PDB file of N, CA and C in Angstrom:
ATOM      1  N   UNK A   1     107.055 136.062-167.439  1.00  0.00           N
ATOM      2  CA  UNK A   1     108.338 136.391-166.865  1.00  0.00           C
ATOM      3  C   UNK A   1     109.238 136.971-167.948  1.00  0.00           C
ATOM      4  N   UNK A   2     109.982 137.991-167.601  1.00  0.00           N
ATOM      5  CA  UNK A   2     110.919 138.603-168.533  1.00  0.00           C
ATOM      6  C   UNK A   2     112.115 137.680-168.729  1.00  0.00           C
ATOM      7  N   UNK A   3     112.499 137.501-169.976  1.00  0.00           N
ATOM      8  CA  UNK A   3     113.660 136.677-170.293  1.00  0.00           C
ATOM      9  C   UNK A   3     114.658 137.542-171.041  1.00  0.00           C
ATOM     10  N   UNK A   4     115.902 137.478-170.614  1.00  0.00           N
ATOM     11  CA  UNK A   4     116.955 138.296-171.200  1.00  0.00           C
ATOM     12  C   UNK A   4     117.666 137.540-172.306  1.00  0.00           C
ATOM     13  N   UNK A   5     117.783 138.169-173.467  1.00  0.00           N
ATOM     14  CA  UNK A   5     118.538 137.603-174.577  1.00  0.00           C
ATOM     15  C   UNK A   5     119.919 138.237-174.697  1.00  0.00           C
ATOM     16  N   UNK A   6     120.034 139.525-174.364  1.00  0.00           N
ATOM     17  CA  UNK A   6     121.284 140.269-174.542  1.00  0.00           C
ATOM     18  C   UNK A   6     122.107 140.265-173.254  1.00  0.00           C
ATOM     19  N   UNK A   7     122.707 139.126-172.949  1.00  0.00           N
ATOM     20  CA  UNK A   7     123.476 139.019-171.707  1.00  0.00           C
ATOM     21  C   UNK A   7     124.753 139.849-171.753  1.00  0.00           C
ATOM     22  N   UNK A   8     125.300 140.070-172.929  1.00  0.00           N
ATOM     23  CA  UNK A   8     126.532 140.863-173.043  1.00  0.00           C
ATOM     24  C   UNK A   8     126.298 142.307-172.613  1.00  0.00           C
ATOM     25  N   UNK A   9     125.170 142.883-172.994  1.00  0.00           N
ATOM     26  CA  UNK A   9     124.856 144.259-172.589  1.00  0.00           C
ATOM     27  C   UNK A   9     124.692 144.346-171.076  1.00  0.00           C
ATOM     28  N   UNK A  10     124.048 143.345-170.484  1.00  0.00           N
ATOM     29  CA  UNK A  10     123.901 143.339-169.030  1.00  0.00           C
ATOM     30  C   UNK A  10     125.263 143.213-168.366  1.00  0.00           C
ATOM     31  N   UNK A  11     126.117 142.357-168.885  1.00  0.00           N
ATOM     32  CA  UNK A  11     127.458 142.172-168.315  1.00  0.00           C
ATOM     33  C   UNK A  11     128.227 143.499-168.312  1.00  0.00           C
ATOM     34  N   UNK A  12     128.116 144.275-169.377  1.00  0.00           N
ATOM     35  CA  UNK A  12     128.805 145.574-169.440  1.00  0.00           C
ATOM     36  C   UNK A  12     128.310 146.505-168.341  1.00  0.00           C
ATOM     37  N   UNK A  13     127.017 146.502-168.094  1.00  0.00           N
ATOM     38  CA  UNK A  13     126.456 147.342-167.029  1.00  0.00           C
ATOM     39  C   UNK A  13     126.934 146.849-165.671  1.00  0.00           C
ATOM     40  N   UNK A  14     126.906 145.541-165.469  1.00  0.00           N
ATOM     41  CA  UNK A  14     127.298 144.987-164.176  1.00  0.00           C
ATOM     42  C   UNK A  14     128.766 145.237-163.862  1.00  0.00           C
ATOM     43  N   UNK A  15     129.581 145.383-164.894  1.00  0.00           N
ATOM     44  CA  UNK A  15     131.000 145.665-164.671  1.00  0.00           C
ATOM     45  C   UNK A  15     131.223 147.017-164.014  1.00  0.00           C
ATOM     46  N   UNK A  16     130.204 147.874-164.001  1.00  0.00           N
ATOM     47  CA  UNK A  16     130.337 149.202-163.390  1.00  0.00           C
ATOM     48  C   UNK A  16     129.580 149.324-162.068  1.00  0.00           C
ATOM     49  N   UNK A  17     128.967 148.236-161.609  1.00  0.00           N
ATOM     50  CA  UNK A  17     128.231 148.232-160.338  1.00  0.00           C
ATOM     51  C   UNK A  17     129.196 147.935-159.198  1.00  0.00           C
ATOM     52  N   UNK A  18     129.023 148.649-158.089  1.00  0.00           N
ATOM     53  CA  UNK A  18     129.815 148.372-156.898  1.00  0.00           C
ATOM     54  C   UNK A  18     129.086 147.310-156.071  1.00  0.00           C
ATOM     55  N   UNK A  19     129.731 146.171-155.895  1.00  0.00           N
ATOM     56  CA  UNK A  19     129.156 145.059-155.134  1.00  0.00           C
ATOM     57  C   UNK A  19     129.777 144.996-153.752  1.00  0.00           C
ATOM     58  N   UNK A  20     129.049 144.469-152.757  1.00  0.00           N
ATOM     59  CA  UNK A  20     127.722 143.869-152.831  1.00  0.00           C
ATOM     60  C   UNK A  20     126.661 144.918-153.119  1.00  0.00           C
ATOM     61  N   UNK A  21     125.588 144.468-153.764  1.00  0.00           N
ATOM     62  CA  UNK A  21     124.497 145.361-154.145  1.00  0.00           C
ATOM     63  C   UNK A  21     123.176 144.609-154.087  1.00  0.00           C
ATOM     64  N   UNK A  22     122.144 145.310-153.667  1.00  0.00           N
ATOM     65  CA  UNK A  22     120.807 144.716-153.645  1.00  0.00           C
ATOM     66  C   UNK A  22     120.234 144.706-155.061  1.00  0.00           C
ATOM     67  N   UNK A  23     119.156 143.956-155.232  1.00  0.00           N
ATOM     68  CA  UNK A  23     118.476 143.956-156.529  1.00  0.00           C
ATOM     69  C   UNK A  23     118.077 145.375-156.909  1.00  0.00           C
ATOM     70  N   UNK A  24     117.552 146.132-155.940  1.00  0.00           N
ATOM     71  CA  UNK A  24     117.124 147.499-156.229  1.00  0.00           C
ATOM     72  C   UNK A  24     118.301 148.394-156.590  1.00  0.00           C
ATOM     73  N   UNK A  25     119.456 148.182-155.949  1.00  0.00           N
ATOM     74  CA  UNK A  25     120.652 148.954-156.293  1.00  0.00           C
ATOM     75  C   UNK A  25     121.097 148.654-157.721  1.00  0.00           C
ATOM     76  N   UNK A  26     121.097 147.374-158.082  1.00  0.00           N
ATOM     77  CA  UNK A  26     121.490 146.973-159.435  1.00  0.00           C
ATOM     78  C   UNK A  26     120.513 147.554-160.451  1.00  0.00           C
ATOM     79  N   UNK A  27     119.233 147.485-160.146  1.00  0.00           N
ATOM     80  CA  UNK A  27     118.205 148.019-161.036  1.00  0.00           C
ATOM     81  C   UNK A  27     118.363 149.525-161.218  1.00  0.00           C
ATOM     82  N   UNK A  28     118.578 150.258-160.125  1.00  0.00           N
ATOM     83  CA  UNK A  28     118.762 151.712-160.208  1.00  0.00           C
ATOM     84  C   UNK A  28     119.996 152.048-161.033  1.00  0.00           C
ATOM     85  N   UNK A  29     121.069 151.302-160.843  1.00  0.00           N
ATOM     86  CA  UNK A  29     122.290 151.539-161.610  1.00  0.00           C
ATOM     87  C   UNK A  29     122.033 151.304-163.103  1.00  0.00           C
ATOM     88  N   UNK A  30     121.321 150.231-163.417  1.00  0.00           N
ATOM     89  CA  UNK A  30     121.013 149.927-164.813  1.00  0.00           C
ATOM     90  C   UNK A  30     120.140 151.014-165.437  1.00  0.00           C
ATOM     91  N   UNK A  31     119.159 151.503-164.682  1.00  0.00           N
ATOM     92  CA  UNK A  31     118.307 152.589-165.184  1.00  0.00           C
ATOM     93  C   UNK A  31     119.144 153.826-165.479  1.00  0.00           C
ATOM     94  N   UNK A  32     120.037 154.184-164.555  1.00  0.00           N
ATOM     95  CA  UNK A  32     120.899 155.355-164.741  1.00  0.00           C
ATOM     96  C   UNK A  32     121.865 155.180-165.907  1.00  0.00           C
ATOM     97  N   UNK A  33     122.211 153.932-166.211  1.00  0.00           N
ATOM     98  CA  UNK A  33     123.124 153.646-167.316  1.00  0.00           C
ATOM     99  C   UNK A  33     122.396 153.577-168.658  1.00  0.00           C
ATOM    100  N   UNK A  34     121.073 153.732-168.644  1.00  0.00           N
ATOM    101  CA  UNK A  34     120.308 153.706-169.885  1.00  0.00           C
ATOM    102  C   UNK A  34     120.051 152.308-170.418  1.00  0.00           C
ATOM    103  N   UNK A  35     119.919 151.344-169.524  1.00  0.00           N
ATOM    104  CA  UNK A  35     119.678 149.957-169.932  1.00  0.00           C
ATOM    105  C   UNK A  35     118.372 149.829-170.715  1.00  0.00           C
ATOM    106  N   UNK A  36     118.330 148.836-171.563  1.00  0.00           N
ATOM    107  CA  UNK A  36     117.134 148.573-172.370  1.00  0.00           C
ATOM    108  C   UNK A  36     115.983 148.093-171.492  1.00  0.00           C
ATOM    109  N   UNK A  37     114.780 148.154-172.041  1.00  0.00           N
ATOM    110  CA  UNK A  37     113.605 147.638-171.330  1.00  0.00           C
ATOM    111  C   UNK A  37     113.768 146.158-171.014  1.00  0.00           C
ATOM    112  N   UNK A  38     114.359 145.437-171.948  1.00  0.00           N
ATOM    113  CA  UNK A  38     114.576 143.998-171.759  1.00  0.00           C
ATOM    114  C   UNK A  38     115.437 143.738-170.520  1.00  0.00           C
ATOM    115  N   UNK A  39     116.520 144.481-170.378  1.00  0.00           N
ATOM    116  CA  UNK A  39     117.407 144.312-169.225  1.00  0.00           C
ATOM    117  C   UNK A  39     116.693 144.708-167.947  1.00  0.00           C
ATOM    118  N   UNK A  40     116.010 145.835-167.960  1.00  0.00           N
ATOM    119  CA  UNK A  40     115.314 146.292-166.756  1.00  0.00           C
ATOM    120  C   UNK A  40     114.240 145.295-166.330  1.00  0.00           C
ATOM    121  N   UNK A  41     113.502 144.747-167.276  1.00  0.00           N
ATOM    122  CA  UNK A  41     112.472 143.752-166.949  1.00  0.00           C
ATOM    123  C   UNK A  41     113.090 142.496-166.352  1.00  0.00           C
ATOM    124  N   UNK A  42     114.205 142.063-166.911  1.00  0.00           N
ATOM    125  CA  UNK A  42     114.875 140.873-166.391  1.00  0.00           C
ATOM    126  C   UNK A  42     115.408 141.115-164.987  1.00  0.00           C
ATOM    127  N   UNK A  43     115.950 142.297-164.732  1.00  0.00           N
ATOM    128  CA  UNK A  43     116.452 142.614-163.394  1.00  0.00           C
ATOM    129  C   UNK A  43     115.309 142.665-162.386  1.00  0.00           C
ATOM    130  N   UNK A  44     114.171 143.182-162.797  1.00  0.00           N
ATOM    131  CA  UNK A  44     113.009 143.225-161.899  1.00  0.00           C
ATOM    132  C   UNK A  44     112.521 141.820-161.555  1.00  0.00           C
ATOM    133  N   UNK A  45     112.783 140.857-162.424  1.00  0.00           N
ATOM    134  CA  UNK A  45     112.349 139.481-162.202  1.00  0.00           C
ATOM    135  C   UNK A  45     113.275 138.712-161.251  1.00  0.00           C
ATOM    136  N   UNK A  46     114.414 139.301-160.904  1.00  0.00           N
ATOM    137  CA  UNK A  46     115.336 138.625-159.981  1.00  0.00           C
ATOM    138  C   UNK A  46     114.752 138.582-158.579  1.00  0.00           C
ATOM    139  N   UNK A  47     115.132 137.587-157.803  1.00  0.00           N
ATOM    140  CA  UNK A  47     114.707 137.560-156.395  1.00  0.00           C
ATOM    141  C   UNK A  47     115.291 138.754-155.640  1.00  0.00           C
ATOM    142  N   UNK A  48     114.528 139.325-154.712  1.00  0.00           N
ATOM    143  CA  UNK A  48     115.073 140.423-153.906  1.00  0.00           C
ATOM    144  C   UNK A  48     116.129 139.857-152.966  1.00  0.00           C
ATOM    145  N   UNK A  49     117.371 140.210-153.217  1.00  0.00           N
ATOM    146  CA  UNK A  49     118.493 139.693-152.434  1.00  0.00           C
ATOM    147  C   UNK A  49     119.640 140.677-152.543  1.00  0.00           C
ATOM    148  N   UNK A  50     120.671 140.447-151.751  1.00  0.00           N
ATOM    149  CA  UNK A  50     121.916 141.191-151.894  1.00  0.00           C
ATOM    150  C   UNK A  50     122.871 140.287-152.655  1.00  0.00           C
ATOM    151  N   UNK A  51     123.402 140.802-153.735  1.00  0.00           N
ATOM    152  CA  UNK A  51     124.274 140.046-154.619  1.00  0.00           C
ATOM    153  C   UNK A  51     125.722 140.448-154.359  1.00  0.00           C
ATOM    154  N   UNK A  52     126.589 139.459-154.190  1.00  0.00           N
ATOM    155  CA  UNK A  52     127.985 139.699-153.838  1.00  0.00           C
ATOM    156  C   UNK A  52     128.830 140.104-155.035  1.00  0.00           C
ATOM    157  N   UNK A  53     128.408 139.677-156.231  1.00  0.00           N
ATOM    158  CA  UNK A  53     129.214 139.947-157.427  1.00  0.00           C
ATOM    159  C   UNK A  53     128.342 139.843-158.676  1.00  0.00           C
ATOM    160  N   UNK A  54     128.901 140.307-159.783  1.00  0.00           N
ATOM    161  CA  UNK A  54     128.173 140.315-161.051  1.00  0.00           C
ATOM    162  C   UNK A  54     127.731 138.916-161.468  1.00  0.00           C
ATOM    163  N   UNK A  55     128.566 137.919-161.226  1.00  0.00           N
ATOM    164  CA  UNK A  55     128.201 136.557-161.622  1.00  0.00           C
ATOM    165  C   UNK A  55     126.947 136.068-160.909  1.00  0.00           C
ATOM    166  N   UNK A  56     126.758 136.488-159.667  1.00  0.00           N
ATOM    167  CA  UNK A  56     125.531 136.120-158.947  1.00  0.00           C
ATOM    168  C   UNK A  56     124.310 136.727-159.618  1.00  0.00           C
ATOM    169  N   UNK A  57     124.433 137.969-160.054  1.00  0.00           N
ATOM    170  CA  UNK A  57     123.324 138.618-160.763  1.00  0.00           C
ATOM    171  C   UNK A  57     123.051 137.878-162.064  1.00  0.00           C
ATOM    172  N   UNK A  58     124.095 137.549-162.796  1.00  0.00           N
ATOM    173  CA  UNK A  58     123.918 136.851-164.069  1.00  0.00           C
ATOM    174  C   UNK A  58     123.215 135.511-163.872  1.00  0.00           C
ATOM    175  N   UNK A  59     123.506 134.821-162.781  1.00  0.00           N
ATOM    176  CA  UNK A  59     122.837 133.544-162.508  1.00  0.00           C
ATOM    177  C   UNK A  59     121.380 133.749-162.097  1.00  0.00           C
ATOM    178  N   UNK A  60     121.074 134.889-161.488  1.00  0.00           N
ATOM    179  CA  UNK A  60     119.721 135.145-160.985  1.00  0.00           C
ATOM    180  C   UNK A  60     118.772 135.673-162.054  1.00  0.00           C
ATOM    181  N   UNK A  61     119.313 136.279-163.093  1.00  0.00           N
ATOM    182  CA  UNK A  61     118.486 136.864-164.154  1.00  0.00           C
ATOM    183  C   UNK A  61     117.975 135.753-165.067  1.00  0.00           C
ATOM    184  N   UNK A  62     116.671 135.730-165.337  1.00  0.00           N
ATOM    185  CA  UNK A  62     116.146 134.730-166.267  1.00  0.00           C
ATOM    186  C   UNK A  62     116.628 135.025-167.688  1.00  0.00           C
ATOM    187  N   UNK A  63     117.330 134.067-168.285  1.00  0.00           N
ATOM    188  CA  UNK A  63     117.861 134.258-169.632  1.00  0.00           C
ATOM    189  C   UNK A  63     117.280 133.215-170.574  1.00  0.00           C
ATOM    190  N   UNK A  64     117.430 133.471-171.847  1.00  0.00           N
ATOM    191  CA  UNK A  64     116.931 132.545-172.860  1.00  0.00           C
ATOM    192  C   UNK A  64     117.669 131.215-172.794  1.00  0.00           C
ATOM    193  N   UNK A  65     118.884 131.211-172.240  1.00  0.00           N
ATOM    194  CA  UNK A  65     119.672 129.984-172.152  1.00  0.00           C
ATOM    195  C   UNK A  65     119.646 129.388-170.749  1.00  0.00           C
ATOM    196  N   UNK A  66     118.739 129.873-169.889  1.00  0.00           N
ATOM    197  CA  UNK A  66     118.663 129.389-168.506  1.00  0.00           C
ATOM    198  C   UNK A  66     118.291 127.914-168.475  1.00  0.00           C
ATOM    199  N   UNK A  67     118.838 127.235-167.483  1.00  0.00           N
ATOM    200  CA  UNK A  67     118.504 125.831-167.301  1.00  0.00           C
ATOM    201  C   UNK A  67     117.684 125.674-166.038  1.00  0.00           C
ATOM    202  N   UNK A  68     116.700 124.793-166.040  1.00  0.00           N
ATOM    203  CA  UNK A  68     115.867 124.595-164.853  1.00  0.00           C
ATOM    204  C   UNK A  68     116.709 124.150-163.661  1.00  0.00           C
ATOM    205  N   UNK A  69     116.299 124.594-162.484  1.00  0.00           N
ATOM    206  CA  UNK A  69     116.968 124.175-161.271  1.00  0.00           C
ATOM    207  C   UNK A  69     118.211 124.955-160.914  1.00  0.00           C
ATOM    208  N   UNK A  70     118.477 126.042-161.604  1.00  0.00           N
ATOM    209  CA  UNK A  70     119.652 126.847-161.276  1.00  0.00           C
ATOM    210  C   UNK A  70     119.505 127.436-159.896  1.00  0.00           C
ATOM    211  N   UNK A  71     120.611 127.503-159.167  1.00  0.00           N
ATOM    212  CA  UNK A  71     120.590 128.071-157.826  1.00  0.00           C
ATOM    213  C   UNK A  71     120.447 129.578-157.895  1.00  0.00           C
ATOM    214  N   UNK A  72     119.727 130.105-156.944  1.00  0.00           N
ATOM    215  CA  UNK A  72     119.534 131.543-156.800  1.00  0.00           C
ATOM    216  C   UNK A  72     120.180 131.968-155.490  1.00  0.00           C
ATOM    217  N   UNK A  73     120.665 133.206-155.400  1.00  0.00           N
ATOM    218  CA  UNK A  73     121.256 133.670-154.143  1.00  0.00           C
ATOM    219  C   UNK A  73     120.274 133.531-152.989  1.00  0.00           C
ATOM    220  N   UNK A  74     120.807 133.088-151.854  1.00  0.00           N
ATOM    221  CA  UNK A  74     119.976 132.956-150.670  1.00  0.00           C
ATOM    222  C   UNK A  74     119.073 131.736-150.677  1.00  0.00           C
ATOM    223  N   UNK A  75     119.209 130.879-151.663  1.00  0.00           N
ATOM    224  CA  UNK A  75     118.308 129.740-151.714  1.00  0.00           C
ATOM    225  C   UNK A  75     118.946 128.601-152.293  1.00  0.00           C
TER     226      UNK A  75
END
């Protein structure tokens, strides 16, 4: 599973996404913004869902500081 270490870079990208957005919409936006492979891999690892805001995406992305049992959108 892809794990994201650079959460600040992802946050900057998410600040320019129009929400609500699907995982694929967020991924396409990140690709167009020139996101790193690490960010793109982490976004691909998110559950396919519609995310209401950037914080939901941040909670869904597997990060190096993730804690077990975290809630995911839609579940």
